[in-house]
Amino acid sequence: MPKTAGYYPIQIPYLLSEPFQQYVDYQEDSVASLSEFVICCWQMIPRTKEIQPLENIIIADGCIDLVVAFDQQQIGFSGTRETDFHFPVSSTERFMGLRLKPGAFAQLFQRSAEQGMDQFLPIERIDPDFDSEEFFKHSFSEAKEYLIAYWENQLMTRTADAYTRLFDELTDQLPASAAELYDQLGLKERSCQRIFQEKYALSPKKVLSILRFQKGLNDLLQTNEQTTLNYYYDQSHFIQDFKRNIGITPRELIQYYRN
């Protein structure tokens, strides 16, 4: 996983599922030319030609991704508000995507993030200039280059606004409560809830929950369970929150990671 400043959510299906790790090669790469709006470019490609039904685990991270189901010839935007533990894929299918920063979808397309959450939104509905037919004429590696080049052209004159930068800033200075968040942003509770729904399709409390979880997950993978728990005044709440997000406890994750 590339190390970058600010918010970098972790997706770790290869740690949580042995069959996934056995049959699928999952990779993430940062793309400097897109970094104003894009966290990473990711891909999933088969390790073998053996066909196996698998379940991908998609952790809720506040992001809306541009997802390419290459063999199904589908490309569009999709995000999830809750972790999906049972997203079905075949071991021989190829996927790639761009993980947009939270808030980027709303800013770039002047649409509510609600349209890109918990559903698949074909790219043509958002960007009619994108030529899907031409895109899928390329090989997988060529299509990846095509996708990056296309977005480089789209984003070269764009600058992230305050809400597309907000998750980066909150990662560096995480409020302890929703009330502290409202004060930090200089917003009333109702205004903050309305803006967050528009920009992220999430409540302020859900945003803080995601950020706390991702911080804990990063800390766990870099240190150990007890050191991480010492940062949290309510350890039982943290463990419950952790299990709600990825289905296992911090200790179980560390065991997976060590193995």
Protein backbone atom coordinates (compact mmCIF):
# COMPACT_ATOMS: atom_id res chain seq x y z
CA MET A 1 0.00 0.00 0.00
CA PRO A 2 1.46 3.41 -0.94
CA LYS A 3 2.14 5.80 1.93
CA THR A 4 0.69 9.25 1.39
CA ALA A 5 -0.13 12.23 3.58
CA GLY A 6 -3.72 12.76 4.64
CA TYR A 7 -6.56 10.30 4.30
CA TYR A 8 -5.64 6.93 2.80
CA PRO A 9 -8.32 4.34 3.59
CA ILE A 10 -7.28 0.72 3.73
CA GLN A 11 -9.05 -2.00 1.76
CA ILE A 12 -7.70 -5.39 2.85
CA PRO A 13 -9.70 -8.28 1.33
CA TYR A 14 -6.40 -10.15 0.86
CA LEU A 15 -5.93 -10.18 4.65
CA LEU A 16 -9.48 -11.14 5.53
CA SER A 17 -10.07 -13.92 3.02
CA GLU A 18 -7.63 -16.75 2.30
CA PRO A 19 -9.42 -17.82 -0.93
CA PHE A 20 -9.27 -14.22 -2.16
CA GLN A 21 -5.57 -14.07 -1.48
CA GLN A 22 -5.04 -17.42 -3.20
CA TYR A 23 -6.86 -16.56 -6.43
CA VAL A 24 -6.71 -12.77 -6.77
CA ASP A 25 -3.84 -10.29 -7.00
CA TYR A 26 -5.03 -6.98 -5.53
CA GLN A 27 -2.84 -3.87 -6.00
CA GLU A 28 -3.04 -0.15 -5.32
CA ASP A 29 -0.88 2.63 -6.78
CA SER A 30 -0.88 6.37 -6.22
CA VAL A 31 -1.02 8.53 -9.35
CA ALA A 32 0.64 11.89 -8.68
CA SER A 33 -1.04 13.65 -11.62
CA LEU A 34 -4.51 12.76 -10.21
CA SER A 35 -3.76 13.18 -6.50
CA GLU A 36 -5.82 16.36 -6.10
CA PHE A 37 -8.97 14.24 -6.43
CA VAL A 38 -7.91 10.57 -6.56
CA ILE A 39 -6.49 8.54 -3.67
CA CYS A 40 -5.25 5.61 -5.73
CA CYS A 41 -5.64 3.50 -8.83
CA TRP A 42 -6.42 -0.12 -7.93
CA GLN A 43 -6.73 -3.38 -9.79
CA MET A 44 -7.79 -6.98 -9.18
CA ILE A 45 -6.46 -9.61 -11.57
CA PRO A 46 -6.53 -13.43 -11.46
CA ARG A 47 -3.56 -15.36 -10.11
CA THR A 48 -4.67 -18.57 -11.85
CA LYS A 49 -7.07 -19.68 -14.57
CA GLU A 50 -9.04 -21.79 -12.09
CA ILE A 51 -12.63 -20.59 -11.76
CA GLN A 52 -13.77 -20.13 -8.17
CA PRO A 53 -16.67 -18.10 -6.76
CA LEU A 54 -15.29 -15.63 -4.23
CA GLU A 55 -16.60 -12.98 -1.87
CA ASN A 56 -14.84 -9.63 -1.84
CA ILE A 57 -14.98 -7.54 1.33
CA ILE A 58 -15.49 -3.83 0.62
CA ILE A 59 -14.90 -1.66 3.68
CA ALA A 60 -17.01 1.49 3.93
CA ASP A 61 -14.53 4.37 3.60
CA GLY A 62 -16.55 7.38 2.46
CA CYS A 63 -15.17 7.12 -1.07
CA ILE A 64 -17.00 6.79 -4.37
CA ASP A 65 -14.88 4.81 -6.84
CA LEU A 66 -14.90 4.80 -10.59
CA VAL A 67 -15.16 1.02 -11.03
CA VAL A 68 -14.33 -0.97 -14.16
CA ALA A 69 -15.68 -4.52 -14.39
CA PHE A 70 -13.46 -5.23 -17.36
CA ASP A 71 -14.75 -8.61 -18.50
CA GLN A 72 -18.36 -7.52 -18.07
CA GLN A 73 -17.55 -4.31 -19.98
CA GLN A 74 -19.12 -2.09 -17.34
CA ILE A 75 -17.71 1.19 -16.06
CA GLY A 76 -19.35 3.50 -13.55
CA PHE A 77 -19.33 5.05 -10.10
CA SER A 78 -20.06 3.20 -6.88
CA GLY A 79 -19.54 3.60 -3.15
CA THR A 80 -20.92 1.96 -0.02
CA ARG A 81 -22.10 3.41 3.29
CA GLU A 82 -21.73 0.11 5.14
CA THR A 83 -19.11 -2.60 4.79
CA ASP A 84 -20.15 -5.28 2.29
CA PHE A 85 -18.83 -8.64 3.50
CA HIS A 86 -20.30 -10.70 0.68
CA PHE A 87 -19.71 -8.95 -2.65
CA PRO A 88 -19.63 -11.84 -5.17
CA VAL A 89 -16.85 -12.04 -7.77
CA SER A 90 -15.35 -14.78 -9.89
CA SER A 91 -11.67 -15.61 -9.49
CA THR A 92 -11.10 -15.08 -13.22
CA GLU A 93 -12.72 -11.64 -13.48
CA ARG A 94 -10.60 -8.51 -13.89
CA PHE A 95 -11.38 -5.20 -12.22
CA MET A 96 -9.74 -1.81 -11.96
CA GLY A 97 -10.75 1.54 -10.62
CA LEU A 98 -9.95 5.00 -9.35
CA ARG A 99 -10.72 5.64 -5.68
CA LEU A 100 -11.95 9.24 -5.56
CA LYS A 101 -11.44 11.29 -2.42
CA PRO A 102 -14.61 11.72 -0.35
CA GLY A 103 -16.33 14.81 -1.72
CA ALA A 104 -14.64 14.61 -5.15
CA PHE A 105 -17.67 13.09 -6.90
CA ALA A 106 -19.96 15.88 -5.67
CA GLN A 107 -17.48 18.61 -6.58
CA LEU A 108 -16.46 17.33 -10.01
CA PHE A 109 -19.92 16.51 -11.29
CA GLN A 110 -22.06 18.97 -9.31
CA ARG A 111 -24.26 16.13 -8.11
CA SER A 112 -25.23 14.84 -4.72
CA ALA A 113 -22.99 12.03 -3.49
CA GLU A 114 -26.23 10.14 -2.89
CA GLN A 115 -26.29 9.29 -6.61
CA GLY A 116 -23.00 7.38 -6.33
CA MET A 117 -23.64 5.55 -3.05
CA ASP A 118 -25.06 2.04 -2.64
CA GLN A 119 -25.69 1.65 -6.36
CA PHE A 120 -23.84 1.44 -9.68
CA LEU A 121 -24.05 4.61 -11.74
CA PRO A 122 -22.88 4.12 -15.38
CA ILE A 123 -20.29 6.67 -16.40
CA GLU A 124 -22.32 7.80 -19.43
CA ARG A 125 -24.96 9.26 -17.10
CA ILE A 126 -22.31 11.49 -15.58
CA ASP A 127 -19.85 12.03 -18.42
CA PRO A 128 -21.44 11.53 -21.87
CA ASP A 129 -18.09 12.34 -23.52
CA PHE A 130 -16.51 9.14 -22.21
CA ASP A 131 -16.37 6.56 -25.03
CA SER A 132 -16.97 3.20 -23.32
CA GLU A 133 -16.96 1.31 -26.61
CA GLU A 134 -13.50 2.63 -27.46
CA PHE A 135 -12.29 2.01 -23.90
CA PHE A 136 -13.16 -1.69 -23.95
CA LYS A 137 -11.38 -2.25 -27.28
CA HIS A 138 -8.09 -2.01 -25.37
CA SER A 139 -6.25 -4.69 -23.45
CA PHE A 140 -6.50 -4.51 -19.67
CA SER A 141 -3.16 -2.73 -19.24
CA GLU A 142 -3.88 -0.37 -22.14
CA ALA A 143 -7.31 0.42 -20.70
CA LYS A 144 -5.71 1.33 -17.39
CA GLU A 145 -3.37 3.77 -19.15
CA TYR A 146 -6.32 5.13 -21.17
CA LEU A 147 -8.32 5.70 -17.98
CA ILE A 148 -5.51 7.57 -16.23
CA ALA A 149 -4.78 9.70 -19.31
CA TYR A 150 -8.47 10.55 -19.69
CA TRP A 151 -8.74 11.76 -16.11
CA GLU A 152 -5.46 13.63 -16.30
CA ASN A 153 -7.03 15.62 -19.11
CA GLN A 154 -10.27 16.13 -17.17
CA LEU A 155 -8.59 17.26 -13.96
CA MET A 156 -5.61 19.29 -15.18
CA THR A 157 -7.28 22.64 -14.50
CA ARG A 158 -9.32 21.60 -11.44
CA THR A 159 -8.50 22.27 -7.80
CA ALA A 160 -9.99 20.40 -4.86
CA ASP A 161 -12.42 22.47 -2.80
CA ALA A 162 -12.65 22.59 0.99
CA TYR A 163 -14.93 19.54 1.24
CA THR A 164 -12.80 17.38 -1.05
CA ARG A 165 -9.82 18.26 1.17
CA LEU A 166 -11.72 17.82 4.43
CA PHE A 167 -11.04 14.12 5.08
CA ASP A 168 -7.30 14.82 4.70
CA GLU A 169 -7.52 17.63 7.24
CA LEU A 170 -9.67 15.67 9.68
CA THR A 171 -7.24 12.75 9.50
CA ASP A 172 -4.49 15.06 10.76
CA GLN A 173 -6.73 16.65 13.41
CA LEU A 174 -9.55 14.26 14.27
CA PRO A 175 -12.37 15.81 16.36
CA ALA A 176 -13.39 13.84 19.42
CA SER A 177 -17.10 14.36 18.84
CA ALA A 178 -19.66 15.64 16.34
CA ALA A 179 -20.06 18.81 18.45
CA GLU A 180 -16.32 19.45 18.20
CA LEU A 181 -16.53 18.87 14.44
CA TYR A 182 -19.28 21.49 14.10
CA ASP A 183 -17.16 23.98 16.04
CA GLN A 184 -14.07 23.15 13.97
CA LEU A 185 -15.99 23.83 10.75
CA GLY A 186 -17.86 26.83 12.09
CA LEU A 187 -21.21 25.24 11.23
CA LYS A 188 -24.46 24.66 13.06
CA GLU A 189 -25.48 21.03 13.50
CA ARG A 190 -28.30 21.12 10.95
CA SER A 191 -26.16 22.90 8.33
CA CYS A 192 -23.33 20.41 8.77
CA GLN A 193 -25.68 17.46 8.41
CA ARG A 194 -27.17 18.93 5.22
CA ILE A 195 -23.76 19.68 3.68
CA PHE A 196 -22.31 16.29 4.59
CA GLN A 197 -25.30 14.53 3.09
CA GLU A 198 -24.78 16.46 -0.15
CA LYS A 199 -20.99 16.04 -0.30
CA TYR A 200 -20.53 12.56 1.16
CA ALA A 201 -23.99 10.95 1.49
CA LEU A 202 -22.98 10.41 5.13
CA SER A 203 -23.89 11.98 8.45
CA PRO A 204 -21.18 13.84 10.40
CA LYS A 205 -21.22 11.07 13.03
CA LYS A 206 -20.71 8.42 10.33
CA VAL A 207 -17.80 10.41 8.88
CA LEU A 208 -16.13 10.51 12.30
CA SER A 209 -16.79 6.79 12.79
CA ILE A 210 -15.11 6.00 9.45
CA LEU A 211 -12.14 8.23 10.24
CA ARG A 212 -11.68 6.74 13.73
CA PHE A 213 -11.89 3.23 12.35
CA GLN A 214 -9.38 3.92 9.58
CA LYS A 215 -6.97 5.52 12.06
CA GLY A 216 -7.27 2.48 14.32
CA LEU A 217 -6.77 0.12 11.39
CA ASN A 218 -3.66 1.99 10.25
CA ASP A 219 -2.29 2.00 13.81
CA LEU A 220 -2.94 -1.73 14.20
CA LEU A 221 -1.11 -2.67 11.03
CA GLN A 222 1.86 -0.49 11.98
CA THR A 223 2.13 -1.29 15.71
CA ASN A 224 0.16 -3.89 17.68
CA GLU A 225 -3.19 -4.38 19.30
CA GLN A 226 -2.39 -3.19 22.83
CA THR A 227 -0.47 -0.11 21.71
CA THR A 228 -3.38 0.87 19.50
CA LEU A 229 -6.01 0.24 22.17
CA ASN A 230 -4.10 2.50 24.55
CA TYR A 231 -4.96 5.43 22.26
CA TYR A 232 -8.69 4.86 22.77
CA TYR A 233 -10.29 5.75 26.09
CA ASP A 234 -13.21 3.38 25.46
CA GLN A 235 -11.57 0.14 24.33
CA SER A 236 -14.75 -1.93 24.31
CA HIS A 237 -16.46 0.64 22.06
CA PHE A 238 -13.47 0.65 19.72
CA ILE A 239 -13.49 -3.16 19.48
CA GLN A 240 -17.24 -3.17 18.75
CA ASP A 241 -16.80 -0.42 16.14
CA PHE A 242 -13.92 -2.34 14.59
CA LYS A 243 -15.92 -5.55 14.35
CA ARG A 244 -18.89 -3.71 12.86
CA ASN A 245 -16.67 -2.30 10.11
CA ILE A 246 -14.78 -5.44 9.05
CA GLY A 247 -16.43 -8.32 10.89
CA ILE A 248 -13.51 -9.31 13.13
CA THR A 249 -11.84 -7.96 16.27
CA PRO A 250 -8.48 -6.13 16.29
CA ARG A 251 -6.80 -9.23 17.74
CA GLU A 252 -8.20 -11.44 14.98
CA LEU A 253 -6.97 -8.98 12.34
CA ILE A 254 -3.47 -9.02 13.80
CA GLN A 255 -3.48 -12.82 13.67
CA TYR A 256 -4.46 -12.69 9.99
CA TYR A 257 -1.80 -10.09 9.33
CA ARG A 258 0.98 -12.05 11.07
CA ASN A 259 0.06 -15.19 9.18
